[in-house]
Amino acid sequence: MEARKSFADLLASESLVLVDFFAEWCGPCKMMKPILDEVKSAVGDQAKIIKIDIDKNNGAAMQYQITGVPTLILFKHGKIVWRQSGVVQPAQLKQVIQANAS
């Protein structure tokens, strides 16, 4: 059984990781789920998509200065290459991932 990677290890090990910082009580955050599902099926293995609940992962939220949710951050080899708060449309997300995939 594979040991569970820490958040930092995951960001550093995968080439592209899209992190959705969200909260259960956030209406716009709920709108992101079908968008992220659509993007995941479109980009496949080009990017790993993970969701971080800011209420359960306060340290990560503070580390990345999350002041509003949803906030999406795209990491490439552990470095932030793109960041945006609010609901992001699937076409824009796919474009950002594909632009950073090479």
PDB file of N, CA and C in Angstrom:
ATOM      1  N   MET A   1       0.840  -1.200   0.000  1.00  0.00           N
ATOM      2  CA  MET A   1       0.000   0.000   0.000  1.00  0.00           C
ATOM      3  C   MET A   1       0.876   1.251   0.000  1.00  0.00           C
ATOM      4  N   GLU A   2       0.587   2.158  -0.885  1.00  0.00           N
ATOM      5  CA  GLU A   2       1.388   3.378  -1.019  1.00  0.00           C
ATOM      6  C   GLU A   2       1.125   4.317   0.157  1.00  0.00           C
ATOM      7  N   ALA A   3       2.208   4.843   0.698  1.00  0.00           N
ATOM      8  CA  ALA A   3       2.065   5.803   1.795  1.00  0.00           C
ATOM      9  C   ALA A   3       1.406   7.074   1.269  1.00  0.00           C
ATOM     10  N   ARG A   4       0.595   7.696   2.070  1.00  0.00           N
ATOM     11  CA  ARG A   4      -0.091   8.926   1.672  1.00  0.00           C
ATOM     12  C   ARG A   4       0.934  10.055   1.583  1.00  0.00           C
ATOM     13  N   LYS A   5       0.970  10.688   0.441  1.00  0.00           N
ATOM     14  CA  LYS A   5       1.918  11.785   0.241  1.00  0.00           C
ATOM     15  C   LYS A   5       1.447  13.027   0.978  1.00  0.00           C
ATOM     16  N   SER A   6       2.394  13.805   1.468  1.00  0.00           N
ATOM     17  CA  SER A   6       2.019  15.085   2.052  1.00  0.00           C
ATOM     18  C   SER A   6       1.657  16.031   0.912  1.00  0.00           C
ATOM     19  N   PHE A   7       0.970  17.091   1.267  1.00  0.00           N
ATOM     20  CA  PHE A   7       0.559  18.084   0.274  1.00  0.00           C
ATOM     21  C   PHE A   7       1.788  18.628  -0.462  1.00  0.00           C
ATOM     22  N   ALA A   8       2.847  18.970   0.274  1.00  0.00           N
ATOM     23  CA  ALA A   8       4.073  19.521  -0.332  1.00  0.00           C
ATOM     24  C   ALA A   8       4.720  18.504  -1.269  1.00  0.00           C
ATOM     25  N   ASP A   9       4.761  17.232  -0.857  1.00  0.00           N
ATOM     26  CA  ASP A   9       5.349  16.187  -1.704  1.00  0.00           C
ATOM     27  C   ASP A   9       4.546  16.030  -2.989  1.00  0.00           C
ATOM     28  N   LEU A  10       3.237  16.073  -2.868  1.00  0.00           N
ATOM     29  CA  LEU A  10       2.367  15.925  -4.029  1.00  0.00           C
ATOM     30  C   LEU A  10       2.616  17.067  -5.022  1.00  0.00           C
ATOM     31  N   LEU A  11       2.690  18.292  -4.515  1.00  0.00           N
ATOM     32  CA  LEU A  11       2.919  19.447  -5.392  1.00  0.00           C
ATOM     33  C   LEU A  11       4.268  19.351  -6.090  1.00  0.00           C
ATOM     34  N   ALA A  12       5.279  18.879  -5.374  1.00  0.00           N
ATOM     35  CA  ALA A  12       6.625  18.806  -5.943  1.00  0.00           C
ATOM     36  C   ALA A  12       6.783  17.631  -6.903  1.00  0.00           C
ATOM     37  N   SER A  13       6.052  16.538  -6.666  1.00  0.00           N
ATOM     38  CA  SER A  13       6.286  15.325  -7.444  1.00  0.00           C
ATOM     39  C   SER A  13       5.532  15.292  -8.767  1.00  0.00           C
ATOM     40  N   GLU A  14       4.360  15.855  -8.800  1.00  0.00           N
ATOM     41  CA  GLU A  14       3.566  15.831 -10.030  1.00  0.00           C
ATOM     42  C   GLU A  14       3.962  17.030 -10.892  1.00  0.00           C
ATOM     43  N   SER A  15       3.902  16.850 -12.217  1.00  0.00           N
ATOM     44  CA  SER A  15       4.295  17.977 -13.065  1.00  0.00           C
ATOM     45  C   SER A  15       3.304  19.130 -12.942  1.00  0.00           C
ATOM     46  N   LEU A  16       2.009  18.836 -13.057  1.00  0.00           N
ATOM     47  CA  LEU A  16       0.992  19.882 -12.915  1.00  0.00           C
ATOM     48  C   LEU A  16      -0.054  19.440 -11.905  1.00  0.00           C
ATOM     49  N   VAL A  17      -0.307  20.300 -10.925  1.00  0.00           N
ATOM     50  CA  VAL A  17      -1.343  20.023  -9.927  1.00  0.00           C
ATOM     51  C   VAL A  17      -2.225  21.259  -9.813  1.00  0.00           C
ATOM     52  N   LEU A  18      -3.509  21.080 -10.084  1.00  0.00           N
ATOM     53  CA  LEU A  18      -4.485  22.159  -9.912  1.00  0.00           C
ATOM     54  C   LEU A  18      -5.159  21.944  -8.567  1.00  0.00           C
ATOM     55  N   VAL A  19      -5.025  22.933  -7.687  1.00  0.00           N
ATOM     56  CA  VAL A  19      -5.614  22.827  -6.357  1.00  0.00           C
ATOM     57  C   VAL A  19      -6.807  23.766  -6.259  1.00  0.00           C
ATOM     58  N   ASP A  20      -7.934  23.194  -5.868  1.00  0.00           N
ATOM     59  CA  ASP A  20      -9.159  23.959  -5.642  1.00  0.00           C
ATOM     60  C   ASP A  20      -9.310  24.132  -4.138  1.00  0.00           C
ATOM     61  N   PHE A  21      -9.034  25.334  -3.643  1.00  0.00           N
ATOM     62  CA  PHE A  21      -9.258  25.648  -2.230  1.00  0.00           C
ATOM     63  C   PHE A  21     -10.725  26.031  -2.100  1.00  0.00           C
ATOM     64  N   PHE A  22     -11.457  25.299  -1.263  1.00  0.00           N
ATOM     65  CA  PHE A  22     -12.902  25.500  -1.179  1.00  0.00           C
ATOM     66  C   PHE A  22     -13.365  25.401   0.270  1.00  0.00           C
ATOM     67  N   ALA A  23     -14.663  25.662   0.480  1.00  0.00           N
ATOM     68  CA  ALA A  23     -15.301  25.458   1.780  1.00  0.00           C
ATOM     69  C   ALA A  23     -16.689  24.872   1.536  1.00  0.00           C
ATOM     70  N   GLU A  24     -17.117  24.008   2.451  1.00  0.00           N
ATOM     71  CA  GLU A  24     -18.430  23.363   2.321  1.00  0.00           C
ATOM     72  C   GLU A  24     -19.575  24.375   2.274  1.00  0.00           C
ATOM     73  N   TRP A  25     -19.443  25.489   2.985  1.00  0.00           N
ATOM     74  CA  TRP A  25     -20.518  26.476   3.092  1.00  0.00           C
ATOM     75  C   TRP A  25     -20.562  27.450   1.912  1.00  0.00           C
ATOM     76  N   CYS A  26     -19.629  27.304   0.964  1.00  0.00           N
ATOM     77  CA  CYS A  26     -19.458  28.275  -0.128  1.00  0.00           C
ATOM     78  C   CYS A  26     -20.273  27.864  -1.354  1.00  0.00           C
ATOM     79  N   GLY A  27     -21.258  28.688  -1.721  1.00  0.00           N
ATOM     80  CA  GLY A  27     -22.092  28.418  -2.897  1.00  0.00           C
ATOM     81  C   GLY A  27     -21.303  28.316  -4.197  1.00  0.00           C
ATOM     82  N   PRO A  28     -20.485  29.337  -4.530  1.00  0.00           N
ATOM     83  CA  PRO A  28     -19.705  29.257  -5.767  1.00  0.00           C
ATOM     84  C   PRO A  28     -18.764  28.045  -5.806  1.00  0.00           C
ATOM     85  N   CYS A  29     -18.302  27.589  -4.632  1.00  0.00           N
ATOM     86  CA  CYS A  29     -17.427  26.409  -4.585  1.00  0.00           C
ATOM     87  C   CYS A  29     -18.170  25.181  -5.115  1.00  0.00           C
ATOM     88  N   LYS A  30     -19.461  25.083  -4.788  1.00  0.00           N
ATOM     89  CA  LYS A  30     -20.260  23.955  -5.258  1.00  0.00           C
ATOM     90  C   LYS A  30     -20.393  23.987  -6.785  1.00  0.00           C
ATOM     91  N   MET A  31     -20.370  25.178  -7.361  1.00  0.00           N
ATOM     92  CA  MET A  31     -20.450  25.317  -8.818  1.00  0.00           C
ATOM     93  C   MET A  31     -19.192  24.807  -9.497  1.00  0.00           C
ATOM     94  N   MET A  32     -18.067  24.767  -8.766  1.00  0.00           N
ATOM     95  CA  MET A  32     -16.800  24.342  -9.363  1.00  0.00           C
ATOM     96  C   MET A  32     -16.727  22.836  -9.581  1.00  0.00           C
ATOM     97  N   LYS A  33     -17.468  22.039  -8.795  1.00  0.00           N
ATOM     98  CA  LYS A  33     -17.325  20.585  -8.901  1.00  0.00           C
ATOM     99  C   LYS A  33     -17.589  20.061 -10.312  1.00  0.00           C
ATOM    100  N   PRO A  34     -18.752  20.369 -10.939  1.00  0.00           N
ATOM    101  CA  PRO A  34     -18.958  19.851 -12.301  1.00  0.00           C
ATOM    102  C   PRO A  34     -17.951  20.431 -13.301  1.00  0.00           C
ATOM    103  N   ILE A  35     -17.506  21.661 -13.070  1.00  0.00           N
ATOM    104  CA  ILE A  35     -16.501  22.276 -13.953  1.00  0.00           C
ATOM    105  C   ILE A  35     -15.189  21.495 -13.851  1.00  0.00           C
ATOM    106  N   LEU A  36     -14.766  21.194 -12.624  1.00  0.00           N
ATOM    107  CA  LEU A  36     -13.514  20.447 -12.433  1.00  0.00           C
ATOM    108  C   LEU A  36     -13.633  19.033 -12.995  1.00  0.00           C
ATOM    109  N   ASP A  37     -14.801  18.410 -12.861  1.00  0.00           N
ATOM    110  CA  ASP A  37     -15.013  17.078 -13.436  1.00  0.00           C
ATOM    111  C   ASP A  37     -14.856  17.122 -14.955  1.00  0.00           C
ATOM    112  N   GLU A  38     -15.431  18.145 -15.576  1.00  0.00           N
ATOM    113  CA  GLU A  38     -15.337  18.308 -17.036  1.00  0.00           C
ATOM    114  C   GLU A  38     -13.883  18.536 -17.458  1.00  0.00           C
ATOM    115  N   VAL A  39     -13.186  19.394 -16.714  1.00  0.00           N
ATOM    116  CA  VAL A  39     -11.784  19.696 -17.036  1.00  0.00           C
ATOM    117  C   VAL A  39     -10.931  18.442 -16.875  1.00  0.00           C
ATOM    118  N   LYS A  40     -11.161  17.682 -15.808  1.00  0.00           N
ATOM    119  CA  LYS A  40     -10.383  16.458 -15.571  1.00  0.00           C
ATOM    120  C   LYS A  40     -10.551  15.483 -16.724  1.00  0.00           C
ATOM    121  N   SER A  41     -11.789  15.312 -17.207  1.00  0.00           N
ATOM    122  CA  SER A  41     -11.980  14.370 -18.312  1.00  0.00           C
ATOM    123  C   SER A  41     -11.349  14.893 -19.599  1.00  0.00           C
ATOM    124  N   ALA A  42     -11.249  16.206 -19.751  1.00  0.00           N
ATOM    125  CA  ALA A  42     -10.658  16.786 -20.956  1.00  0.00           C
ATOM    126  C   ALA A  42      -9.132  16.743 -20.943  1.00  0.00           C
ATOM    127  N   VAL A  43      -8.522  16.989 -19.782  1.00  0.00           N
ATOM    128  CA  VAL A  43      -7.047  17.070 -19.735  1.00  0.00           C
ATOM    129  C   VAL A  43      -6.392  15.755 -19.327  1.00  0.00           C
ATOM    130  N   GLY A  44      -7.177  14.835 -18.784  1.00  0.00           N
ATOM    131  CA  GLY A  44      -6.652  13.516 -18.440  1.00  0.00           C
ATOM    132  C   GLY A  44      -5.453  13.583 -17.513  1.00  0.00           C
ATOM    133  N   ASP A  45      -4.353  12.973 -17.962  1.00  0.00           N
ATOM    134  CA  ASP A  45      -3.149  12.895 -17.138  1.00  0.00           C
ATOM    135  C   ASP A  45      -2.270  14.134 -17.216  1.00  0.00           C
ATOM    136  N   GLN A  46      -2.681  15.146 -17.971  1.00  0.00           N
ATOM    137  CA  GLN A  46      -1.865  16.366 -18.060  1.00  0.00           C
ATOM    138  C   GLN A  46      -1.766  17.064 -16.716  1.00  0.00           C
ATOM    139  N   ALA A  47      -2.779  16.903 -15.866  1.00  0.00           N
ATOM    140  CA  ALA A  47      -2.783  17.572 -14.565  1.00  0.00           C
ATOM    141  C   ALA A  47      -3.533  16.736 -13.546  1.00  0.00           C
ATOM    142  N   LYS A  48      -3.049  16.801 -12.324  1.00  0.00           N
ATOM    143  CA  LYS A  48      -3.757  16.184 -11.209  1.00  0.00           C
ATOM    144  C   LYS A  48      -4.607  17.300 -10.585  1.00  0.00           C
ATOM    145  N   ILE A  49      -5.857  17.005 -10.257  1.00  0.00           N
ATOM    146  CA  ILE A  49      -6.748  18.005  -9.666  1.00  0.00           C
ATOM    147  C   ILE A  49      -7.103  17.541  -8.263  1.00  0.00           C
ATOM    148  N   ILE A  50      -6.820  18.399  -7.277  1.00  0.00           N
ATOM    149  CA  ILE A  50      -7.163  18.059  -5.898  1.00  0.00           C
ATOM    150  C   ILE A  50      -7.941  19.202  -5.269  1.00  0.00           C
ATOM    151  N   LYS A  51      -8.769  18.837  -4.288  1.00  0.00           N
ATOM    152  CA  LYS A  51      -9.579  19.824  -3.582  1.00  0.00           C
ATOM    153  C   LYS A  51      -9.084  19.903  -2.143  1.00  0.00           C
ATOM    154  N   ILE A  52      -8.938  21.107  -1.639  1.00  0.00           N
ATOM    155  CA  ILE A  52      -8.509  21.327  -0.261  1.00  0.00           C
ATOM    156  C   ILE A  52      -9.584  22.146   0.457  1.00  0.00           C
ATOM    157  N   ASP A  53     -10.173  21.566   1.493  1.00  0.00           N
ATOM    158  CA  ASP A  53     -11.176  22.251   2.312  1.00  0.00           C
ATOM    159  C   ASP A  53     -10.424  23.177   3.280  1.00  0.00           C
ATOM    160  N   ILE A  54     -10.618  24.482   3.126  1.00  0.00           N
ATOM    161  CA  ILE A  54      -9.853  25.441   3.943  1.00  0.00           C
ATOM    162  C   ILE A  54     -10.201  25.345   5.424  1.00  0.00           C
ATOM    163  N   ASP A  55     -11.410  24.881   5.739  1.00  0.00           N
ATOM    164  CA  ASP A  55     -11.792  24.762   7.143  1.00  0.00           C
ATOM    165  C   ASP A  55     -11.105  23.579   7.824  1.00  0.00           C
ATOM    166  N   LYS A  56     -10.765  22.554   7.032  1.00  0.00           N
ATOM    167  CA  LYS A  56     -10.093  21.373   7.588  1.00  0.00           C
ATOM    168  C   LYS A  56      -8.578  21.453   7.409  1.00  0.00           C
ATOM    169  N   ASN A  57      -8.115  22.323   6.534  1.00  0.00           N
ATOM    170  CA  ASN A  57      -6.680  22.450   6.237  1.00  0.00           C
ATOM    171  C   ASN A  57      -6.268  23.909   6.359  1.00  0.00           C
ATOM    172  N   ASN A  58      -6.436  24.427   7.564  1.00  0.00           N
ATOM    173  CA  ASN A  58      -6.159  25.837   7.821  1.00  0.00           C
ATOM    174  C   ASN A  58      -4.720  26.225   7.493  1.00  0.00           C
ATOM    175  N   GLY A  59      -3.773  25.327   7.772  1.00  0.00           N
ATOM    176  CA  GLY A  59      -2.360  25.614   7.518  1.00  0.00           C
ATOM    177  C   GLY A  59      -2.085  25.868   6.050  1.00  0.00           C
ATOM    178  N   ALA A  60      -2.640  25.015   5.196  1.00  0.00           N
ATOM    179  CA  ALA A  60      -2.445  25.183   3.747  1.00  0.00           C
ATOM    180  C   ALA A  60      -3.088  26.481   3.277  1.00  0.00           C
ATOM    181  N   ALA A  61      -4.275  26.790   3.803  1.00  0.00           N
ATOM    182  CA  ALA A  61      -4.965  28.026   3.428  1.00  0.00           C
ATOM    183  C   ALA A  61      -4.141  29.243   3.829  1.00  0.00           C
ATOM    184  N   MET A  62      -3.548  29.189   5.013  1.00  0.00           N
ATOM    185  CA  MET A  62      -2.718  30.312   5.468  1.00  0.00           C
ATOM    186  C   MET A  62      -1.431  30.397   4.648  1.00  0.00           C
ATOM    187  N   GLN A  63      -0.808  29.255   4.376  1.00  0.00           N
ATOM    188  CA  GLN A  63       0.445  29.231   3.620  1.00  0.00           C
ATOM    189  C   GLN A  63       0.286  29.885   2.249  1.00  0.00           C
ATOM    190  N   TYR A  64      -0.842  29.640   1.594  1.00  0.00           N
ATOM    191  CA  TYR A  64      -1.065  30.186   0.252  1.00  0.00           C
ATOM    192  C   TYR A  64      -1.942  31.432   0.269  1.00  0.00           C
ATOM    193  N   GLN A  65      -2.140  32.006   1.455  1.00  0.00           N
ATOM    194  CA  GLN A  65      -2.866  33.266   1.626  1.00  0.00           C
ATOM    195  C   GLN A  65      -4.218  33.255   0.921  1.00  0.00           C
ATOM    196  N   ILE A  66      -4.993  32.217   1.210  1.00  0.00           N
ATOM    197  CA  ILE A  66      -6.330  32.096   0.634  1.00  0.00           C
ATOM    198  C   ILE A  66      -7.261  33.011   1.428  1.00  0.00           C
ATOM    199  N   THR A  67      -7.753  34.054   0.769  1.00  0.00           N
ATOM    200  CA  THR A  67      -8.641  35.003   1.448  1.00  0.00           C
ATOM    201  C   THR A  67     -10.078  34.879   0.966  1.00  0.00           C
ATOM    202  N   GLY A  68     -10.285  34.193  -0.133  1.00  0.00           N
ATOM    203  CA  GLY A  68     -11.632  33.984  -0.664  1.00  0.00           C
ATOM    204  C   GLY A  68     -11.701  32.622  -1.315  1.00  0.00           C
ATOM    205  N   VAL A  69     -12.888  32.034  -1.299  1.00  0.00           N
ATOM    206  CA  VAL A  69     -13.062  30.736  -1.947  1.00  0.00           C
ATOM    207  C   VAL A  69     -14.189  30.816  -2.971  1.00  0.00           C
ATOM    208  N   PRO A  70     -14.133  30.087  -4.052  1.00  0.00           N
ATOM    209  CA  PRO A  70     -13.031  29.190  -4.385  1.00  0.00           C
ATOM    210  C   PRO A  70     -11.809  29.956  -4.885  1.00  0.00           C
ATOM    211  N   THR A  71     -10.635  29.427  -4.584  1.00  0.00           N
ATOM    212  CA  THR A  71      -9.394  29.915  -5.175  1.00  0.00           C
ATOM    213  C   THR A  71      -8.715  28.717  -5.824  1.00  0.00           C
ATOM    214  N   LEU A  72      -8.380  28.869  -7.080  1.00  0.00           N
ATOM    215  CA  LEU A  72      -7.703  27.809  -7.821  1.00  0.00           C
ATOM    216  C   LEU A  72      -6.253  28.221  -8.024  1.00  0.00           C
ATOM    217  N   ILE A  73      -5.344  27.289  -7.742  1.00  0.00           N
ATOM    218  CA  ILE A  73      -3.920  27.548  -7.949  1.00  0.00           C
ATOM    219  C   ILE A  73      -3.353  26.383  -8.747  1.00  0.00           C
ATOM    220  N   LEU A  74      -2.640  26.707  -9.822  1.00  0.00           N
ATOM    221  CA  LEU A  74      -1.975  25.681 -10.628  1.00  0.00           C
ATOM    222  C   LEU A  74      -0.491  25.689 -10.273  1.00  0.00           C
ATOM    223  N   PHE A  75      -0.014  24.530  -9.844  1.00  0.00           N
ATOM    224  CA  PHE A  75       1.393  24.363  -9.488  1.00  0.00           C
ATOM    225  C   PHE A  75       2.090  23.551 -10.567  1.00  0.00           C
ATOM    226  N   LYS A  76       3.308  23.941 -10.902  1.00  0.00           N
ATOM    227  CA  LYS A  76       4.146  23.162 -11.813  1.00  0.00           C
ATOM    228  C   LYS A  76       5.442  22.891 -11.081  1.00  0.00           C
ATOM    229  N   HIS A  77       5.709  21.630 -10.808  1.00  0.00           N
ATOM    230  CA  HIS A  77       6.897  21.216 -10.043  1.00  0.00           C
ATOM    231  C   HIS A  77       7.021  22.003  -8.737  1.00  0.00           C
ATOM    232  N   GLY A  78       5.893  22.180  -8.061  1.00  0.00           N
ATOM    233  CA  GLY A  78       5.899  22.824  -6.753  1.00  0.00           C
ATOM    234  C   GLY A  78       5.843  24.342  -6.761  1.00  0.00           C
ATOM    235  N   LYS A  79       5.889  24.955  -7.935  1.00  0.00           N
ATOM    236  CA  LYS A  79       5.861  26.424  -8.034  1.00  0.00           C
ATOM    237  C   LYS A  79       4.506  26.871  -8.588  1.00  0.00           C
ATOM    238  N   ILE A  80       4.018  28.003  -8.079  1.00  0.00           N
ATOM    239  CA  ILE A  80       2.745  28.542  -8.570  1.00  0.00           C
ATOM    240  C   ILE A  80       2.953  29.156  -9.954  1.00  0.00           C
ATOM    241  N   VAL A  81       2.179  28.677 -10.940  1.00  0.00           N
ATOM    242  CA  VAL A  81       2.263  29.241 -12.294  1.00  0.00           C
ATOM    243  C   VAL A  81       0.998  30.006 -12.677  1.00  0.00           C
ATOM    244  N   TRP A  82      -0.082  29.804 -11.896  1.00  0.00           N
ATOM    245  CA  TRP A  82      -1.347  30.496 -12.195  1.00  0.00           C
ATOM    246  C   TRP A  82      -2.212  30.443 -10.950  1.00  0.00           C
ATOM    247  N   ARG A  83      -2.975  31.511 -10.744  1.00  0.00           N
ATOM    248  CA  ARG A  83      -3.844  31.578  -9.568  1.00  0.00           C
ATOM    249  C   ARG A  83      -5.037  32.474  -9.891  1.00  0.00           C
ATOM    250  N   GLN A  84      -6.236  32.043  -9.473  1.00  0.00           N
ATOM    251  CA  GLN A  84      -7.411  32.882  -9.677  1.00  0.00           C
ATOM    252  C   GLN A  84      -8.471  32.527  -8.642  1.00  0.00           C
ATOM    253  N   SER A  85      -9.147  33.540  -8.146  1.00  0.00           N
ATOM    254  CA  SER A  85     -10.255  33.323  -7.212  1.00  0.00           C
ATOM    255  C   SER A  85     -11.567  33.463  -7.959  1.00  0.00           C
ATOM    256  N   GLY A  86     -12.579  32.783  -7.454  1.00  0.00           N
ATOM    257  CA  GLY A  86     -13.897  32.830  -8.070  1.00  0.00           C
ATOM    258  C   GLY A  86     -14.111  31.641  -8.983  1.00  0.00           C
ATOM    259  N   VAL A  87     -15.307  31.554  -9.532  1.00  0.00           N
ATOM    260  CA  VAL A  87     -15.640  30.456 -10.440  1.00  0.00           C
ATOM    261  C   VAL A  87     -14.926  30.694 -11.770  1.00  0.00           C
ATOM    262  N   VAL A  88     -14.236  29.663 -12.239  1.00  0.00           N
ATOM    263  CA  VAL A  88     -13.491  29.744 -13.498  1.00  0.00           C
ATOM    264  C   VAL A  88     -14.162  28.795 -14.490  1.00  0.00           C
ATOM    265  N   GLN A  89     -14.373  29.277 -15.699  1.00  0.00           N
ATOM    266  CA  GLN A  89     -15.057  28.469 -16.709  1.00  0.00           C
ATOM    267  C   GLN A  89     -14.134  27.359 -17.232  1.00  0.00           C
ATOM    268  N   PRO A  90     -14.742  26.226 -17.660  1.00  0.00           N
ATOM    269  CA  PRO A  90     -13.944  25.078 -18.094  1.00  0.00           C
ATOM    270  C   PRO A  90     -12.964  25.400 -19.224  1.00  0.00           C
ATOM    271  N   ALA A  91     -13.390  26.185 -20.197  1.00  0.00           N
ATOM    272  CA  ALA A  91     -12.512  26.502 -21.330  1.00  0.00           C
ATOM    273  C   ALA A  91     -11.253  27.224 -20.868  1.00  0.00           C
ATOM    274  N   GLN A  92     -11.412  28.153 -19.922  1.00  0.00           N
ATOM    275  CA  GLN A  92     -10.250  28.887 -19.418  1.00  0.00           C
ATOM    276  C   GLN A  92      -9.312  27.951 -18.650  1.00  0.00           C
ATOM    277  N   LEU A  93      -9.888  27.079 -17.816  1.00  0.00           N
ATOM    278  CA  LEU A  93      -9.068  26.150 -17.049  1.00  0.00           C
ATOM    279  C   LEU A  93      -8.292  25.206 -17.963  1.00  0.00           C
ATOM    280  N   LYS A  94      -8.967  24.675 -18.975  1.00  0.00           N
ATOM    281  CA  LYS A  94      -8.296  23.770 -19.923  1.00  0.00           C
ATOM    282  C   LYS A  94      -7.158  24.495 -20.620  1.00  0.00           C
ATOM    283  N   GLN A  95      -7.413  25.740 -21.021  1.00  0.00           N
ATOM    284  CA  GLN A  95      -6.392  26.529 -21.718  1.00  0.00           C
ATOM    285  C   GLN A  95      -5.170  26.756 -20.816  1.00  0.00           C
ATOM    286  N   VAL A  96      -5.397  27.093 -19.559  1.00  0.00           N
ATOM    287  CA  VAL A  96      -4.306  27.339 -18.614  1.00  0.00           C
ATOM    288  C   VAL A  96      -3.492  26.069 -18.396  1.00  0.00           C
ATOM    289  N   ILE A  97      -4.172  24.937 -18.228  1.00  0.00           N
ATOM    290  CA  ILE A  97      -3.467  23.662 -18.021  1.00  0.00           C
ATOM    291  C   ILE A  97      -2.665  23.286 -19.258  1.00  0.00           C
ATOM    292  N   GLN A  98      -3.281  23.390 -20.422  1.00  0.00           N
ATOM    293  CA  GLN A  98      -2.578  23.004 -21.652  1.00  0.00           C
ATOM    294  C   GLN A  98      -1.397  23.916 -21.934  1.00  0.00           C
ATOM    295  N   ALA A  99      -1.519  25.200 -21.592  1.00  0.00           N
ATOM    296  CA  ALA A  99      -0.419  26.148 -21.807  1.00  0.00           C
ATOM    297  C   ALA A  99       0.784  25.828 -20.920  1.00  0.00           C
ATOM    298  N   ASN A 100       0.520  25.237 -19.748  1.00  0.00           N
ATOM    299  CA  ASN A 100       1.595  24.935 -18.805  1.00  0.00           C
ATOM    300  C   ASN A 100       2.044  23.478 -18.843  1.00  0.00           C
ATOM    301  N   ALA A 101       1.395  22.667 -19.665  1.00  0.00           N
ATOM    302  CA  ALA A 101       1.670  21.229 -19.679  1.00  0.00           C
ATOM    303  C   ALA A 101       2.997  20.892 -20.362  1.00  0.00           C
ATOM    304  N   SER A 102       3.438  21.724 -21.266  1.00  0.00           N
ATOM    305  CA  SER A 102       4.658  21.384 -22.011  1.00  0.00           C
ATOM    306  C   SER A 102       5.920  21.692 -21.240  1.00  0.00           C
TER     307      SER A 102
END
